Amino acid sequence: MPVVQQGAINTTALIVPDLYVQVVPPQNLVLNGVSTNIVGVVGTASWGPVSQPVIVSTMADYGSTFGPVVARAYDMGTHVATAVQQGAQDFRCVRVTDGSDTAAEASPPGSTVTFTAIYTGSLGNQIAVALQTGSRSSTWRLVVALPGCLPELYDNIGGTGATFWANLAMAVNVGQGPQRGPSQLIKMNAGGATVAPSAFTLTLGSAVPGTDGVSGVGTPQLIGQDGATRTGLYALRGQGCGIALIADMADHTSWTVQAAFGLQEGIYMILTGPAGDNIQNAIAVMHAAGLDSYAAKLMFGDWLWWSDQTNGTVRLVSPQGFVAGRLANLSPEQSSLNKQLFGILGSQKSGVPGSGQATSYSDADLSALLSAGLDVISNPQPGGSFWGVRGGAQLFVQCGDQW
């Protein structure tokens, strides 16, 4: 029974029947790394593309793409802001509407020309458009401005009557070259105008106001549709997200759908119960929903008081953004237990800031929650008096936030 190293003999030339043993050396397998720090966020906004995932890294990025944080349910900016406070720096944001959203529109006096915001949403009502004398003789320039963004300038537009308006529309919609591309704020329709140009200043929304289309947003819109054209949560397919959440989605009928999506895409879904929930109800609802998946983390409905600097108020917000942001800033084998969360002023359990209330969870409360597979943000932590995720475990997997 000869024993040889693989490749040391020519097996096709062997004549004598025997048992030949070849020693096969171990193979060095290279495993490709998978990002776990990308956070997918689905919710409403006052500006930006609808049902299209957009890369965002900072709140400045978010503001220029989707507008400011808005103090309302399902607001995407609120969760991006709370996640950024925990150190998250890579997001895929999907804006959702109820289909009634409109783009702001306005026309110069006595003209058939229309200027329309490039996106739907109320932020478009702040866009100002001004036609002024151009830098060269017998020309005009158009200035498009939105607070917080650099003004867009289309200069030296010549022509008269219909030619001028066609030239101006071409400059706005197509651009004037590599240094002045098409507008990122408005679209223009010359409308067959033939009137002579004259200076004007107008604000979009005077003809048709821009609206966000959020009053009818609910579970169907936030979950969305899967297919050739994906909307809502399904727009996050193939985006490389390691963690994802639907802003303020407390509908228990959606939990198993979200968990199934997480399993398909390799995404850790952060779920939440409704604000002001109680422990007994939370456990009963979770079991009734049939949620049992390592692809989902269900946070108890003890929502948090957070200082909204954009709107100058202290708001009660879902714990999802805090948890997602903290996990995105940890390597995947680490638990969120004993990791400090920032920006929290209080919780429904601990009381409104300044109330003097200082209620905390008992061991019995925590035992009931954690053994059922729910987690909660609370203060204190085992490591000291700070806000953090009290269990740091996945649903029914008592081994930390890892996948």
Protein backbone atom coordinates (compact mmCIF):
# COMPACT_ATOMS: atom_id res chain seq x y z
CA MET A 1 0.00 0.00 0.00
CA PRO A 2 2.17 2.88 -1.24
CA VAL A 3 1.56 6.26 0.44
CA VAL A 4 2.61 9.23 -1.68
CA GLN A 5 2.01 12.96 -1.92
CA GLN A 6 -0.61 14.05 -4.41
CA GLY A 7 1.00 14.51 -7.83
CA ALA A 8 4.09 12.42 -7.01
CA ILE A 9 3.01 9.51 -9.22
CA ASN A 10 1.31 9.18 -12.57
CA THR A 11 -1.79 7.16 -11.77
CA THR A 12 -2.55 6.50 -15.46
CA ALA A 13 0.78 4.64 -15.83
CA LEU A 14 0.24 2.22 -12.93
CA ILE A 15 0.16 -1.48 -13.92
CA VAL A 16 0.28 -3.41 -10.63
CA PRO A 17 -3.08 -3.58 -8.84
CA ASP A 18 -2.72 -2.17 -5.35
CA LEU A 19 -4.13 0.35 -2.90
CA TYR A 20 -2.45 3.67 -3.56
CA VAL A 21 -2.90 6.40 -0.96
CA GLN A 22 -2.31 10.01 -2.01
CA VAL A 23 -1.86 12.64 0.66
CA VAL A 24 -3.85 15.73 -0.34
CA PRO A 25 -2.48 18.95 1.21
CA PRO A 26 -5.00 21.33 2.83
CA GLN A 27 -6.48 24.03 0.64
CA ASN A 28 -6.28 27.70 1.58
CA LEU A 29 -9.79 29.02 1.16
CA VAL A 30 -10.29 32.76 0.90
CA LEU A 31 -13.55 34.07 2.34
CA ASN A 32 -14.82 37.35 1.00
CA GLY A 33 -15.74 39.86 3.67
CA VAL A 34 -19.32 41.05 3.98
CA SER A 35 -20.13 44.54 5.25
CA THR A 36 -22.25 44.67 8.39
CA ASN A 37 -22.15 48.44 8.93
CA ILE A 38 -24.60 49.49 6.20
CA VAL A 39 -27.97 50.51 7.64
CA GLY A 40 -31.09 50.48 5.48
CA VAL A 41 -33.81 52.94 6.54
CA VAL A 42 -37.32 53.09 5.05
CA GLY A 43 -39.64 55.99 5.87
CA THR A 44 -41.14 59.31 4.83
CA ALA A 45 -39.40 62.56 3.94
CA SER A 46 -40.21 66.03 2.57
CA TRP A 47 -37.98 65.78 -0.53
CA GLY A 48 -36.05 63.32 -2.65
CA PRO A 49 -36.63 60.35 -4.95
CA VAL A 50 -39.38 57.89 -4.04
CA SER A 51 -38.74 54.12 -3.70
CA GLN A 52 -35.11 54.53 -4.77
CA PRO A 53 -32.31 53.60 -2.35
CA VAL A 54 -29.93 56.52 -1.90
CA ILE A 55 -26.50 56.40 -0.25
CA VAL A 56 -26.25 58.73 2.75
CA SER A 57 -23.30 59.07 5.13
CA THR A 58 -23.99 62.19 7.21
CA MET A 59 -26.92 64.35 8.22
CA ALA A 60 -25.70 66.95 5.73
CA ASP A 61 -26.01 64.31 3.00
CA TYR A 62 -29.45 63.41 4.24
CA GLY A 63 -30.60 67.03 4.34
CA SER A 64 -29.49 67.77 0.78
CA THR A 65 -31.18 64.62 -0.54
CA PHE A 66 -34.32 64.23 1.59
CA GLY A 67 -34.77 67.51 3.45
CA PRO A 68 -34.74 68.16 7.19
CA VAL A 69 -35.82 65.95 10.07
CA VAL A 70 -39.59 66.23 10.47
CA ALA A 71 -41.37 65.71 13.79
CA ARG A 72 -43.92 63.10 12.67
CA ALA A 73 -44.46 59.36 12.53
CA TYR A 74 -42.47 57.26 10.05
CA ASP A 75 -39.93 60.07 9.52
CA MET A 76 -36.80 58.61 7.98
CA GLY A 77 -34.57 61.51 9.05
CA THR A 78 -35.31 60.95 12.74
CA HIS A 79 -33.86 57.44 12.62
CA VAL A 80 -30.87 58.44 10.52
CA ALA A 81 -30.14 61.20 13.05
CA THR A 82 -30.34 58.92 16.09
CA ALA A 83 -28.20 56.30 14.32
CA VAL A 84 -25.58 58.90 13.36
CA GLN A 85 -25.31 59.86 17.04
CA GLN A 86 -24.21 56.27 17.74
CA GLY A 87 -21.48 56.41 15.09
CA ALA A 88 -23.22 54.96 12.01
CA GLN A 89 -21.86 56.43 8.77
CA ASP A 90 -23.28 54.37 5.90
CA PHE A 91 -26.99 54.32 5.07
CA ARG A 92 -29.29 53.25 2.25
CA CYS A 93 -32.40 55.40 2.54
CA VAL A 94 -35.71 54.70 0.80
CA ARG A 95 -38.42 57.36 0.79
CA VAL A 96 -42.06 56.22 0.89
CA THR A 97 -45.25 58.14 0.07
CA ASP A 98 -48.95 57.34 -0.13
CA GLY A 99 -49.09 58.35 -3.80
CA SER A 100 -50.69 61.74 -3.20
CA ASP A 101 -47.37 63.61 -3.10
CA THR A 102 -47.03 66.54 -5.52
CA ALA A 103 -44.15 68.61 -6.83
CA ALA A 104 -44.15 72.36 -6.24
CA GLU A 105 -44.82 74.39 -9.38
CA ALA A 106 -44.95 78.05 -10.40
CA SER A 107 -45.15 80.19 -13.55
CA PRO A 108 -43.87 83.72 -14.30
CA PRO A 109 -46.67 86.32 -14.51
CA GLY A 110 -48.41 86.38 -17.88
CA SER A 111 -46.51 83.37 -19.17
CA THR A 112 -47.18 79.74 -20.06
CA VAL A 113 -43.72 78.77 -18.79
CA THR A 114 -43.71 76.42 -15.80
CA PHE A 115 -40.98 75.66 -13.29
CA THR A 116 -41.50 72.41 -11.37
CA ALA A 117 -39.51 70.98 -8.47
CA ILE A 118 -37.51 67.96 -9.58
CA TYR A 119 -38.90 65.94 -6.63
CA THR A 120 -42.22 65.90 -4.86
CA GLY A 121 -42.46 67.19 -1.31
CA SER A 122 -43.08 70.31 0.74
CA LEU A 123 -39.42 71.31 0.71
CA GLY A 124 -39.89 72.28 -2.94
CA ASN A 125 -42.11 75.17 -1.79
CA GLN A 126 -38.94 76.93 -0.61
CA ILE A 127 -37.24 76.93 -4.04
CA ALA A 128 -36.83 80.47 -5.42
CA VAL A 129 -36.39 81.16 -9.12
CA ALA A 130 -35.21 84.57 -10.38
CA LEU A 131 -34.59 85.84 -13.92
CA GLN A 132 -32.00 88.64 -14.01
CA THR A 133 -29.88 90.53 -16.50
CA GLY A 134 -27.06 88.33 -17.79
CA SER A 135 -23.33 89.00 -17.61
CA ARG A 136 -23.12 89.65 -21.36
CA SER A 137 -25.03 92.30 -23.22
CA SER A 138 -28.54 91.34 -24.36
CA THR A 139 -28.59 88.10 -22.35
CA TRP A 140 -30.35 86.85 -19.23
CA ARG A 141 -29.47 84.58 -16.37
CA LEU A 142 -31.60 82.35 -14.17
CA VAL A 143 -30.81 81.82 -10.48
CA VAL A 144 -32.35 78.82 -8.68
CA ALA A 145 -31.94 78.75 -4.91
CA LEU A 146 -33.00 76.51 -2.04
CA PRO A 147 -32.03 77.29 1.57
CA GLY A 148 -29.13 75.09 2.62
CA CYS A 149 -27.98 74.40 -0.95
CA LEU A 150 -25.62 76.25 -3.28
CA PRO A 151 -27.51 78.43 -5.78
CA GLU A 152 -27.64 77.24 -9.37
CA LEU A 153 -26.73 79.88 -11.97
CA TYR A 154 -27.58 79.70 -15.68
CA ASP A 155 -25.95 82.72 -17.30
CA ASN A 156 -25.76 84.35 -20.74
CA ILE A 157 -29.01 82.94 -22.11
CA GLY A 158 -29.73 84.73 -25.39
CA GLY A 159 -32.54 84.90 -27.92
CA THR A 160 -35.94 86.53 -28.15
CA GLY A 161 -39.48 85.27 -27.75
CA ALA A 162 -39.90 81.53 -28.22
CA THR A 163 -36.17 81.10 -28.94
CA PHE A 164 -35.19 82.55 -25.58
CA TRP A 165 -37.56 80.35 -23.58
CA ALA A 166 -36.45 77.26 -25.49
CA ASN A 167 -32.80 78.14 -24.82
CA LEU A 168 -33.53 78.67 -21.13
CA ALA A 169 -35.37 75.35 -20.87
CA MET A 170 -32.45 73.60 -22.57
CA ALA A 171 -29.99 75.16 -20.10
CA VAL A 172 -32.07 74.14 -17.05
CA ASN A 173 -32.99 70.63 -18.18
CA VAL A 174 -29.79 69.64 -20.00
CA GLY A 175 -27.13 72.02 -18.68
CA GLN A 176 -24.61 74.40 -20.20
CA GLY A 177 -21.59 72.11 -20.21
CA PRO A 178 -19.45 70.16 -17.73
CA GLN A 179 -19.24 73.06 -15.27
CA ARG A 180 -22.96 73.79 -15.23
CA GLY A 181 -24.95 70.61 -15.60
CA PRO A 182 -28.73 70.19 -15.46
CA SER A 183 -30.57 71.55 -12.44
CA GLN A 184 -30.74 69.35 -9.37
CA LEU A 185 -33.70 71.34 -8.06
CA ILE A 186 -36.15 72.10 -10.87
CA LYS A 187 -37.41 71.15 -14.30
CA MET A 188 -38.63 73.74 -16.83
CA ASN A 189 -41.27 73.58 -19.53
CA ALA A 190 -41.23 76.46 -22.02
CA GLY A 191 -44.91 75.81 -22.75
CA GLY A 192 -44.71 77.40 -26.19
CA ALA A 193 -44.15 80.84 -24.66
CA THR A 194 -43.42 83.65 -27.14
CA VAL A 195 -43.53 86.68 -24.83
CA ALA A 196 -40.42 88.82 -24.45
CA PRO A 197 -38.41 87.94 -21.32
CA SER A 198 -38.52 90.30 -18.36
CA ALA A 199 -37.05 90.11 -14.87
CA PHE A 200 -39.04 88.21 -12.27
CA THR A 201 -38.69 86.45 -8.94
CA LEU A 202 -41.02 83.70 -7.84
CA THR A 203 -41.22 80.91 -5.28
CA LEU A 204 -42.33 77.46 -6.31
CA GLY A 205 -45.65 76.29 -4.93
CA SER A 206 -47.66 79.35 -5.94
CA ALA A 207 -49.40 77.43 -8.73
CA VAL A 208 -49.24 73.90 -7.31
CA PRO A 209 -47.93 73.47 -3.76
CA GLY A 210 -45.54 70.63 -3.08
CA THR A 211 -46.87 68.00 -0.67
CA ASP A 212 -45.16 65.07 1.05
CA GLY A 213 -47.90 62.48 0.60
CA VAL A 214 -47.65 61.06 4.11
CA SER A 215 -51.17 61.18 5.56
CA GLY A 216 -52.06 57.77 4.10
CA VAL A 217 -48.72 56.05 4.71
CA GLY A 218 -49.06 52.78 6.59
CA THR A 219 -47.96 49.17 6.54
CA PRO A 220 -48.74 48.49 2.84
CA GLN A 221 -46.71 51.48 1.65
CA LEU A 222 -43.79 50.90 4.02
CA ILE A 223 -43.50 47.19 3.23
CA GLY A 224 -44.04 47.95 -0.45
CA GLN A 225 -44.15 45.66 -3.45
CA ASP A 226 -41.60 43.16 -4.71
CA GLY A 227 -41.15 42.67 -8.44
CA ALA A 228 -39.72 44.40 -11.48
CA THR A 229 -40.39 47.73 -9.79
CA ARG A 230 -39.65 47.51 -6.07
CA THR A 231 -41.06 49.87 -3.49
CA GLY A 232 -40.80 50.32 0.27
CA LEU A 233 -38.73 47.76 2.14
CA TYR A 234 -38.23 45.67 -0.99
CA ALA A 235 -36.28 48.53 -2.59
CA LEU A 236 -33.42 47.52 -0.25
CA ARG A 237 -32.88 44.25 -2.12
CA GLY A 238 -29.28 43.86 -3.28
CA GLN A 239 -28.09 47.03 -1.50
CA GLY A 240 -25.64 45.22 0.79
CA CYS A 241 -27.33 46.27 4.02
CA GLY A 242 -26.30 44.41 7.15
CA ILE A 243 -28.96 46.09 9.30
CA ALA A 244 -32.30 47.64 8.35
CA LEU A 245 -35.40 49.18 9.87
CA ILE A 246 -38.75 50.60 8.85
CA ALA A 247 -39.16 53.88 10.70
CA ASP A 248 -41.64 53.60 13.60
CA MET A 249 -43.22 50.43 12.17
CA ALA A 250 -45.00 49.01 15.23
CA ASP A 251 -47.57 46.94 13.31
CA HIS A 252 -47.12 43.38 14.55
CA THR A 253 -48.62 41.96 11.35
CA SER A 254 -45.52 43.16 9.50
CA TRP A 255 -42.94 41.55 11.78
CA THR A 256 -42.82 38.13 10.14
CA VAL A 257 -42.74 39.77 6.70
CA GLN A 258 -39.76 41.86 7.75
CA ALA A 259 -38.04 38.83 9.27
CA ALA A 260 -38.57 36.83 6.07
CA PHE A 261 -37.05 39.66 4.05
CA GLY A 262 -34.11 39.76 6.44
CA LEU A 263 -33.51 36.04 5.97
CA GLN A 264 -33.60 36.38 2.19
CA GLU A 265 -31.19 39.31 2.07
CA GLY A 266 -28.96 38.51 5.03
CA ILE A 267 -30.18 41.63 6.85
CA TYR A 268 -30.69 42.01 10.61
CA MET A 269 -34.11 43.70 10.93
CA ILE A 270 -34.69 46.00 13.90
CA LEU A 271 -38.37 45.88 14.93
CA THR A 272 -40.28 47.77 17.60
CA GLY A 273 -43.45 47.46 19.59
CA PRO A 274 -45.94 50.35 19.90
CA ALA A 275 -45.15 53.26 22.22
CA GLY A 276 -46.32 52.83 25.79
CA ASP A 277 -46.69 49.05 25.55
CA ASN A 278 -46.75 46.82 28.64
CA ILE A 279 -44.73 43.66 29.11
CA GLN A 280 -47.60 41.17 29.22
CA ASN A 281 -49.18 42.55 26.06
CA ALA A 282 -45.85 42.73 24.22
CA ILE A 283 -45.12 39.05 24.91
CA ALA A 284 -48.62 37.97 23.93
CA VAL A 285 -48.59 39.97 20.69
CA MET A 286 -45.15 38.67 19.74
CA HIS A 287 -46.26 35.06 20.16
CA ALA A 288 -49.51 35.73 18.32
CA ALA A 289 -47.54 37.24 15.43
CA GLY A 290 -45.47 34.07 15.17
CA LEU A 291 -42.17 35.92 15.26
CA ASP A 292 -39.30 33.48 15.75
CA SER A 293 -36.28 34.38 13.64
CA TYR A 294 -32.61 35.14 14.15
CA ALA A 295 -32.93 37.75 11.37
CA ALA A 296 -35.00 40.08 13.58
CA LYS A 297 -34.51 41.95 16.83
CA LEU A 298 -37.73 43.07 18.52
CA MET A 299 -37.46 46.07 20.83
CA PHE A 300 -40.00 46.49 23.60
CA GLY A 301 -42.34 49.47 23.13
CA ASP A 302 -40.64 51.70 25.70
CA TRP A 303 -39.93 54.66 23.42
CA LEU A 304 -37.26 57.24 24.15
CA TRP A 305 -37.14 60.97 24.75
CA TRP A 306 -34.76 62.60 22.29
CA SER A 307 -33.71 66.22 21.71
CA ASP A 308 -34.67 67.14 18.14
CA GLN A 309 -32.24 69.96 17.36
CA THR A 310 -33.76 70.61 13.93
CA ASN A 311 -37.24 71.32 15.28
CA GLY A 312 -36.14 72.63 18.68
CA THR A 313 -38.16 70.17 20.72
CA VAL A 314 -37.87 67.06 22.86
CA ARG A 315 -39.65 64.20 21.13
CA LEU A 316 -40.66 60.64 21.92
CA VAL A 317 -39.04 58.42 19.27
CA SER A 318 -38.72 54.73 18.51
CA PRO A 319 -35.64 52.89 19.83
CA GLN A 320 -34.87 51.45 16.36
CA GLY A 321 -32.42 54.10 15.18
CA PHE A 322 -30.39 53.97 18.39
CA VAL A 323 -30.03 50.19 18.22
CA ALA A 324 -29.27 50.07 14.48
CA GLY A 325 -26.69 52.82 14.78
CA ARG A 326 -24.91 51.14 17.68
CA LEU A 327 -24.80 47.75 15.99
CA ALA A 328 -23.49 49.33 12.78
CA ASN A 329 -20.58 50.75 14.78
CA LEU A 330 -19.65 47.36 16.28
CA SER A 331 -17.94 44.37 14.70
CA PRO A 332 -20.54 41.64 14.17
CA GLU A 333 -19.33 39.30 16.92
CA GLN A 334 -19.90 41.95 19.59
CA SER A 335 -23.08 42.32 21.61
CA SER A 336 -24.75 45.68 22.12
CA LEU A 337 -24.93 44.94 25.86
CA ASN A 338 -22.94 47.43 27.96
CA LYS A 339 -22.32 49.68 24.93
CA GLN A 340 -23.36 53.24 25.73
CA LEU A 341 -26.06 54.89 23.63
CA PHE A 342 -25.92 58.64 23.11
CA GLY A 343 -28.58 61.33 22.81
CA ILE A 344 -31.19 59.70 25.06
CA LEU A 345 -32.82 62.01 27.60
CA GLY A 346 -35.24 59.51 29.10
CA SER A 347 -37.81 56.85 28.29
CA GLN A 348 -41.49 56.25 28.85
CA LYS A 349 -40.53 53.96 31.73
CA SER A 350 -38.05 56.37 33.32
CA GLY A 351 -40.21 59.43 32.73
CA VAL A 352 -40.19 62.73 30.87
CA PRO A 353 -36.95 64.71 31.29
CA GLY A 354 -37.22 67.03 34.27
CA SER A 355 -40.16 65.17 35.78
CA GLY A 356 -38.11 63.82 38.67
CA GLN A 357 -39.31 60.30 37.92
CA ALA A 358 -36.56 57.68 38.08
CA THR A 359 -38.27 54.33 37.50
CA SER A 360 -36.14 51.43 36.26
CA TYR A 361 -36.79 47.82 35.27
CA SER A 362 -36.76 45.13 37.94
CA ASP A 363 -35.00 41.82 37.45
CA ALA A 364 -38.40 40.18 37.10
CA ASP A 365 -39.37 42.60 34.31
CA LEU A 366 -36.12 42.02 32.46
CA SER A 367 -36.36 38.25 32.92
CA ALA A 368 -39.83 38.22 31.39
CA LEU A 369 -38.77 40.36 28.43
CA LEU A 370 -35.47 38.68 27.64
CA SER A 371 -36.70 35.12 28.08
CA ALA A 372 -39.53 35.88 25.64
CA GLY A 373 -37.05 37.23 23.09
CA LEU A 374 -37.68 40.97 23.47
CA ASP A 375 -35.00 43.54 24.24
CA VAL A 376 -35.20 47.02 25.71
CA ILE A 377 -33.11 50.18 26.05
CA SER A 378 -32.74 51.15 29.68
CA ASN A 379 -30.61 52.83 32.32
CA PRO A 380 -28.67 51.59 34.30
CA GLN A 381 -26.62 48.93 32.55
CA PRO A 382 -24.56 46.17 34.19
CA GLY A 383 -21.51 48.30 33.43
CA GLY A 384 -22.78 51.50 35.06
CA SER A 385 -25.31 54.32 34.95
CA PHE A 386 -25.73 54.91 31.24
CA TRP A 387 -28.28 54.16 28.52
CA GLY A 388 -27.81 50.97 26.55
CA VAL A 389 -29.45 47.84 25.17
CA ARG A 390 -30.23 45.81 28.28
CA GLY A 391 -30.13 42.30 26.84
CA GLY A 392 -27.99 42.62 23.76
CA ALA A 393 -29.34 39.35 22.39
CA GLN A 394 -31.13 38.32 19.24
CA LEU A 395 -34.61 36.90 19.23
CA PHE A 396 -34.34 33.52 21.00
CA VAL A 397 -30.56 33.47 20.51
CA GLN A 398 -28.81 34.26 23.77
CA CYS A 399 -25.38 34.84 22.24
CA GLY A 400 -25.29 38.57 21.56
CA ASP A 401 -26.08 40.65 18.49
CA GLN A 402 -24.23 38.60 15.89
CA TRP A 403 -25.03 36.81 12.67
